[in-house]
Amino acid sequence: MSSLRMLRVSALPGLKELPVSIGKLGQLEFLDISLCEGLEKLPDEIGELKKLKEFDMRECYHLRELPDSVCGLSSLKHVICNENIGVKWLRAKASYIPDLRVEIVEPKFIFLTLTF
């Protein structure tokens, strides 16, 4: 798996966090965690993905912070995210990743929890 270039783990509402072993995917260029609305944090090891170019994290509503390690993702060119985390990416862009394009998208899906 160390030569994996694309990883999609989208639409997993029960996913609370990514494994720290994600940092071992040194060849990863595209990561899609969209629609993982239960995801609460990213591991610090995300910063080890030095070849990551695109990161789709739209509709990860519980994700509010980025680990400091994302500032080392110098190959990252495009992030797709919600407004709440987009502000954090714009700060990283301004200080550490000047070529990053941050695409802030509106929610397309509304999740309701019904209790009876």
N, C-alpha and C. Protein backbone atom coordinates (compact mmCIF):
# COMPACT_ATOMS: atom_id res chain seq x y z
N MET A 1 0.81 -1.20 0.00
CA MET A 1 0.00 0.00 0.00
C MET A 1 0.85 1.26 0.00
N SER A 2 2.13 1.14 0.24
CA SER A 2 2.97 2.34 0.29
C SER A 2 3.08 3.03 -1.06
N SER A 3 2.71 2.36 -2.15
CA SER A 3 2.76 2.99 -3.47
C SER A 3 1.40 3.52 -3.92
N LEU A 4 0.41 3.49 -3.04
CA LEU A 4 -0.94 3.97 -3.33
C LEU A 4 -0.90 5.45 -3.65
N ARG A 5 -1.55 5.84 -4.76
CA ARG A 5 -1.54 7.24 -5.17
C ARG A 5 -2.89 7.93 -4.94
N MET A 6 -3.97 7.16 -4.83
CA MET A 6 -5.30 7.72 -4.63
C MET A 6 -6.03 6.91 -3.56
N LEU A 7 -6.65 7.62 -2.62
CA LEU A 7 -7.40 6.96 -1.56
C LEU A 7 -8.72 7.69 -1.36
N ARG A 8 -9.81 6.93 -1.49
CA ARG A 8 -11.15 7.47 -1.25
C ARG A 8 -11.78 6.72 -0.09
N VAL A 9 -12.04 7.43 0.97
CA VAL A 9 -12.74 6.87 2.12
C VAL A 9 -13.97 7.73 2.40
N SER A 10 -14.65 8.13 1.35
CA SER A 10 -15.77 9.06 1.47
C SER A 10 -17.04 8.35 1.91
N ALA A 11 -17.95 9.15 2.43
CA ALA A 11 -19.30 8.71 2.82
C ALA A 11 -19.28 7.63 3.89
N LEU A 12 -18.42 7.81 4.89
CA LEU A 12 -18.37 6.92 6.05
C LEU A 12 -18.77 7.73 7.28
N PRO A 13 -20.06 7.87 7.54
CA PRO A 13 -20.50 8.76 8.63
C PRO A 13 -20.03 8.32 10.02
N GLY A 14 -19.70 7.06 10.21
CA GLY A 14 -19.25 6.58 11.51
C GLY A 14 -17.77 6.74 11.76
N LEU A 15 -17.03 7.18 10.75
CA LEU A 15 -15.58 7.34 10.89
C LEU A 15 -15.28 8.54 11.78
N LYS A 16 -14.62 8.31 12.91
CA LYS A 16 -14.31 9.39 13.86
C LYS A 16 -12.92 9.97 13.64
N GLU A 17 -11.98 9.14 13.18
CA GLU A 17 -10.63 9.63 12.92
C GLU A 17 -9.93 8.72 11.92
N LEU A 18 -8.97 9.28 11.24
CA LEU A 18 -8.15 8.50 10.31
C LEU A 18 -7.04 7.83 11.11
N PRO A 19 -6.60 6.66 10.69
CA PRO A 19 -5.52 6.00 11.42
C PRO A 19 -4.20 6.76 11.25
N VAL A 20 -3.36 6.72 12.25
CA VAL A 20 -2.06 7.40 12.17
C VAL A 20 -1.20 6.78 11.07
N SER A 21 -1.49 5.55 10.71
CA SER A 21 -0.71 4.88 9.66
C SER A 21 -0.91 5.54 8.29
N ILE A 22 -1.83 6.48 8.17
CA ILE A 22 -2.01 7.17 6.89
C ILE A 22 -0.72 7.88 6.48
N GLY A 23 0.09 8.25 7.45
CA GLY A 23 1.35 8.91 7.16
C GLY A 23 2.34 8.03 6.41
N LYS A 24 2.11 6.72 6.41
CA LYS A 24 3.00 5.80 5.70
C LYS A 24 2.71 5.72 4.20
N LEU A 25 1.65 6.38 3.77
CA LEU A 25 1.28 6.37 2.34
C LEU A 25 2.04 7.49 1.62
N GLY A 26 3.33 7.34 1.56
CA GLY A 26 4.22 8.39 1.05
C GLY A 26 4.03 8.78 -0.40
N GLN A 27 3.38 7.95 -1.20
CA GLN A 27 3.16 8.26 -2.62
C GLN A 27 1.77 8.85 -2.88
N LEU A 28 0.97 8.99 -1.83
CA LEU A 28 -0.42 9.44 -1.99
C LEU A 28 -0.47 10.85 -2.57
N GLU A 29 -1.25 11.00 -3.64
CA GLU A 29 -1.42 12.29 -4.30
C GLU A 29 -2.83 12.85 -4.15
N PHE A 30 -3.81 11.96 -3.94
CA PHE A 30 -5.21 12.39 -3.85
C PHE A 30 -5.85 11.68 -2.66
N LEU A 31 -6.48 12.46 -1.78
CA LEU A 31 -7.16 11.91 -0.62
C LEU A 31 -8.57 12.48 -0.57
N ASP A 32 -9.56 11.58 -0.52
CA ASP A 32 -10.96 11.98 -0.46
C ASP A 32 -11.58 11.44 0.82
N ILE A 33 -11.91 12.36 1.73
CA ILE A 33 -12.61 11.99 2.96
C ILE A 33 -13.97 12.69 3.01
N SER A 34 -14.47 13.10 1.86
CA SER A 34 -15.73 13.84 1.81
C SER A 34 -16.88 13.01 2.39
N LEU A 35 -17.84 13.70 2.94
CA LEU A 35 -19.05 13.10 3.51
C LEU A 35 -18.77 12.19 4.71
N CYS A 36 -17.65 12.38 5.35
CA CYS A 36 -17.35 11.67 6.60
C CYS A 36 -17.70 12.63 7.73
N GLU A 37 -19.00 12.87 7.91
CA GLU A 37 -19.42 13.92 8.83
C GLU A 37 -19.12 13.62 10.29
N GLY A 38 -18.78 12.39 10.63
CA GLY A 38 -18.41 12.06 12.00
C GLY A 38 -16.94 12.28 12.31
N LEU A 39 -16.14 12.57 11.28
CA LEU A 39 -14.70 12.75 11.46
C LEU A 39 -14.44 13.98 12.32
N GLU A 40 -13.75 13.77 13.43
CA GLU A 40 -13.54 14.85 14.39
C GLU A 40 -12.14 15.46 14.35
N LYS A 41 -11.17 14.70 13.86
CA LYS A 41 -9.81 15.26 13.79
C LYS A 41 -8.99 14.50 12.76
N LEU A 42 -7.93 15.16 12.33
CA LEU A 42 -6.95 14.55 11.45
C LEU A 42 -5.71 14.24 12.27
N PRO A 43 -5.08 13.10 12.01
CA PRO A 43 -3.86 12.79 12.77
C PRO A 43 -2.70 13.70 12.34
N ASP A 44 -1.78 13.93 13.25
CA ASP A 44 -0.59 14.72 12.93
C ASP A 44 0.16 14.12 11.75
N GLU A 45 0.08 12.83 11.60
CA GLU A 45 0.80 12.12 10.53
C GLU A 45 0.32 12.51 9.13
N ILE A 46 -0.78 13.23 9.03
CA ILE A 46 -1.25 13.70 7.73
C ILE A 46 -0.18 14.57 7.07
N GLY A 47 0.63 15.21 7.87
CA GLY A 47 1.70 16.06 7.36
C GLY A 47 2.84 15.30 6.71
N GLU A 48 2.85 13.99 6.84
CA GLU A 48 3.87 13.16 6.21
C GLU A 48 3.54 12.83 4.76
N LEU A 49 2.37 13.26 4.30
CA LEU A 49 1.96 12.99 2.91
C LEU A 49 2.55 14.05 1.99
N LYS A 50 3.84 14.02 1.84
CA LYS A 50 4.58 15.08 1.13
C LYS A 50 4.25 15.18 -0.35
N LYS A 51 3.65 14.14 -0.94
CA LYS A 51 3.31 14.19 -2.36
C LYS A 51 1.83 14.49 -2.59
N LEU A 52 1.09 14.72 -1.52
CA LEU A 52 -0.35 14.99 -1.64
C LEU A 52 -0.58 16.27 -2.42
N LYS A 53 -1.41 16.16 -3.47
CA LYS A 53 -1.70 17.30 -4.33
C LYS A 53 -3.13 17.80 -4.17
N GLU A 54 -4.06 16.86 -3.92
CA GLU A 54 -5.46 17.24 -3.81
C GLU A 54 -6.09 16.55 -2.62
N PHE A 55 -6.90 17.30 -1.87
CA PHE A 55 -7.51 16.82 -0.64
C PHE A 55 -8.97 17.26 -0.65
N ASP A 56 -9.87 16.30 -0.80
CA ASP A 56 -11.31 16.58 -0.81
C ASP A 56 -11.87 16.24 0.56
N MET A 57 -12.28 17.25 1.28
CA MET A 57 -12.79 17.05 2.63
C MET A 57 -14.11 17.79 2.84
N ARG A 58 -14.87 17.91 1.77
CA ARG A 58 -16.16 18.60 1.89
C ARG A 58 -17.12 17.79 2.77
N GLU A 59 -17.95 18.51 3.47
CA GLU A 59 -19.00 17.96 4.32
C GLU A 59 -18.48 17.07 5.45
N CYS A 60 -17.35 17.47 6.00
CA CYS A 60 -16.82 16.87 7.23
C CYS A 60 -17.13 17.87 8.35
N TYR A 61 -18.37 17.89 8.77
CA TYR A 61 -18.89 18.95 9.63
C TYR A 61 -18.27 19.02 11.02
N HIS A 62 -17.84 17.90 11.57
CA HIS A 62 -17.28 17.91 12.92
C HIS A 62 -15.79 18.21 12.95
N LEU A 63 -15.20 18.31 11.79
CA LEU A 63 -13.78 18.63 11.71
C LEU A 63 -13.62 20.14 11.80
N ARG A 64 -13.02 20.60 12.89
CA ARG A 64 -12.92 22.03 13.15
C ARG A 64 -11.49 22.55 13.18
N GLU A 65 -10.52 21.67 13.32
CA GLU A 65 -9.13 22.08 13.43
C GLU A 65 -8.26 21.28 12.46
N LEU A 66 -7.14 21.86 12.11
CA LEU A 66 -6.13 21.17 11.32
C LEU A 66 -4.89 21.00 12.18
N PRO A 67 -4.24 19.85 12.08
CA PRO A 67 -2.98 19.72 12.82
C PRO A 67 -1.92 20.64 12.22
N ASP A 68 -1.00 21.09 13.04
CA ASP A 68 0.06 21.98 12.57
C ASP A 68 0.87 21.35 11.43
N SER A 69 0.89 20.04 11.39
CA SER A 69 1.69 19.34 10.38
C SER A 69 1.24 19.60 8.95
N VAL A 70 0.01 20.10 8.74
CA VAL A 70 -0.44 20.36 7.36
C VAL A 70 0.39 21.47 6.72
N CYS A 71 1.04 22.27 7.52
CA CYS A 71 1.86 23.36 6.98
C CYS A 71 3.05 22.84 6.18
N GLY A 72 3.40 21.58 6.36
CA GLY A 72 4.49 20.98 5.61
C GLY A 72 4.07 20.32 4.30
N LEU A 73 2.79 20.44 3.95
CA LEU A 73 2.30 19.80 2.72
C LEU A 73 2.55 20.71 1.52
N SER A 74 3.80 20.89 1.17
CA SER A 74 4.19 21.84 0.14
C SER A 74 3.75 21.44 -1.27
N SER A 75 3.44 20.17 -1.52
CA SER A 75 2.96 19.73 -2.83
C SER A 75 1.46 19.92 -3.00
N LEU A 76 0.78 20.23 -1.91
CA LEU A 76 -0.68 20.36 -1.94
C LEU A 76 -1.09 21.55 -2.80
N LYS A 77 -1.93 21.30 -3.79
CA LYS A 77 -2.35 22.34 -4.73
C LYS A 77 -3.82 22.70 -4.61
N HIS A 78 -4.66 21.76 -4.12
CA HIS A 78 -6.11 22.00 -4.14
C HIS A 78 -6.77 21.31 -2.96
N VAL A 79 -7.51 22.08 -2.19
CA VAL A 79 -8.31 21.55 -1.08
C VAL A 79 -9.75 21.95 -1.33
N ILE A 80 -10.65 20.98 -1.21
CA ILE A 80 -12.08 21.24 -1.32
C ILE A 80 -12.66 21.01 0.08
N CYS A 81 -13.32 22.02 0.63
CA CYS A 81 -13.79 21.90 2.01
C CYS A 81 -14.97 22.82 2.28
N ASN A 82 -15.48 22.71 3.49
CA ASN A 82 -16.54 23.59 3.96
C ASN A 82 -15.93 24.87 4.51
N GLU A 83 -16.78 25.83 4.75
CA GLU A 83 -16.32 27.12 5.24
C GLU A 83 -15.65 27.03 6.61
N ASN A 84 -16.18 26.18 7.49
CA ASN A 84 -15.63 26.13 8.86
C ASN A 84 -14.15 25.73 8.88
N ILE A 85 -13.73 24.83 8.02
CA ILE A 85 -12.31 24.42 7.99
C ILE A 85 -11.55 25.20 6.90
N GLY A 86 -12.29 25.78 5.96
CA GLY A 86 -11.66 26.56 4.89
C GLY A 86 -10.86 27.73 5.42
N VAL A 87 -11.35 28.36 6.48
CA VAL A 87 -10.64 29.48 7.11
C VAL A 87 -9.27 29.02 7.59
N LYS A 88 -9.19 27.81 8.13
CA LYS A 88 -7.91 27.27 8.62
C LYS A 88 -6.96 27.01 7.45
N TRP A 89 -7.50 26.49 6.35
CA TRP A 89 -6.66 26.25 5.17
C TRP A 89 -6.15 27.56 4.58
N LEU A 90 -6.98 28.59 4.60
CA LEU A 90 -6.55 29.89 4.07
C LEU A 90 -5.40 30.46 4.90
N ARG A 91 -5.41 30.21 6.19
CA ARG A 91 -4.29 30.63 7.04
C ARG A 91 -3.02 29.87 6.68
N ALA A 92 -3.16 28.56 6.47
CA ALA A 92 -2.00 27.75 6.09
C ALA A 92 -1.46 28.20 4.73
N LYS A 93 -2.36 28.53 3.81
CA LYS A 93 -1.96 29.02 2.49
C LYS A 93 -1.16 30.31 2.62
N ALA A 94 -1.67 31.23 3.42
CA ALA A 94 -1.03 32.54 3.56
C ALA A 94 0.38 32.42 4.13
N SER A 95 0.58 31.49 5.04
CA SER A 95 1.86 31.41 5.74
C SER A 95 2.82 30.36 5.19
N TYR A 96 2.28 29.24 4.69
CA TYR A 96 3.17 28.10 4.39
C TYR A 96 2.99 27.46 3.02
N ILE A 97 1.78 27.55 2.44
CA ILE A 97 1.52 26.83 1.18
C ILE A 97 0.96 27.83 0.16
N PRO A 98 1.78 28.73 -0.37
CA PRO A 98 1.27 29.83 -1.20
C PRO A 98 0.58 29.39 -2.49
N ASP A 99 0.92 28.23 -3.03
CA ASP A 99 0.32 27.78 -4.28
C ASP A 99 -1.00 27.03 -4.09
N LEU A 100 -1.46 26.93 -2.87
CA LEU A 100 -2.67 26.18 -2.56
C LEU A 100 -3.92 26.93 -3.01
N ARG A 101 -4.81 26.20 -3.66
CA ARG A 101 -6.13 26.74 -4.01
C ARG A 101 -7.13 26.12 -3.05
N VAL A 102 -7.80 26.96 -2.28
CA VAL A 102 -8.79 26.51 -1.30
C VAL A 102 -10.17 26.76 -1.91
N GLU A 103 -10.89 25.68 -2.18
CA GLU A 103 -12.23 25.77 -2.76
C GLU A 103 -13.24 25.49 -1.65
N ILE A 104 -13.94 26.52 -1.26
CA ILE A 104 -14.95 26.38 -0.21
C ILE A 104 -16.30 26.15 -0.88
N VAL A 105 -16.93 25.02 -0.55
CA VAL A 105 -18.18 24.64 -1.20
C VAL A 105 -19.34 24.64 -0.22
N GLU A 106 -20.50 24.87 -0.74
CA GLU A 106 -21.73 24.82 0.05
C GLU A 106 -22.15 23.36 0.24
N PRO A 107 -22.79 23.06 1.35
CA PRO A 107 -23.26 21.68 1.57
C PRO A 107 -24.27 21.26 0.51
N LYS A 108 -24.17 20.03 0.06
CA LYS A 108 -25.11 19.48 -0.91
C LYS A 108 -26.10 18.54 -0.26
N PHE A 109 -25.70 17.97 0.87
CA PHE A 109 -26.54 17.01 1.56
C PHE A 109 -26.86 17.53 2.95
N ILE A 110 -28.05 17.27 3.38
CA ILE A 110 -28.45 17.61 4.74
C ILE A 110 -28.74 16.31 5.46
N PHE A 111 -28.09 16.12 6.58
CA PHE A 111 -28.27 14.88 7.36
C PHE A 111 -29.18 15.19 8.54
N LEU A 112 -30.19 14.39 8.69
CA LEU A 112 -31.11 14.54 9.79
C LEU A 112 -31.05 13.32 10.68
N THR A 113 -31.15 13.54 11.94
CA THR A 113 -31.22 12.44 12.89
C THR A 113 -32.63 12.46 13.47
N LEU A 114 -33.35 11.40 13.27
CA LEU A 114 -34.71 11.32 13.77
C LEU A 114 -34.75 10.42 14.99
N THR A 115 -35.38 10.87 16.03
CA THR A 115 -35.58 10.04 17.20
C THR A 115 -37.07 9.94 17.48
N PHE A 116 -37.47 8.79 17.84
CA PHE A 116 -38.89 8.55 18.12
C PHE A 116 -39.10 8.21 19.56
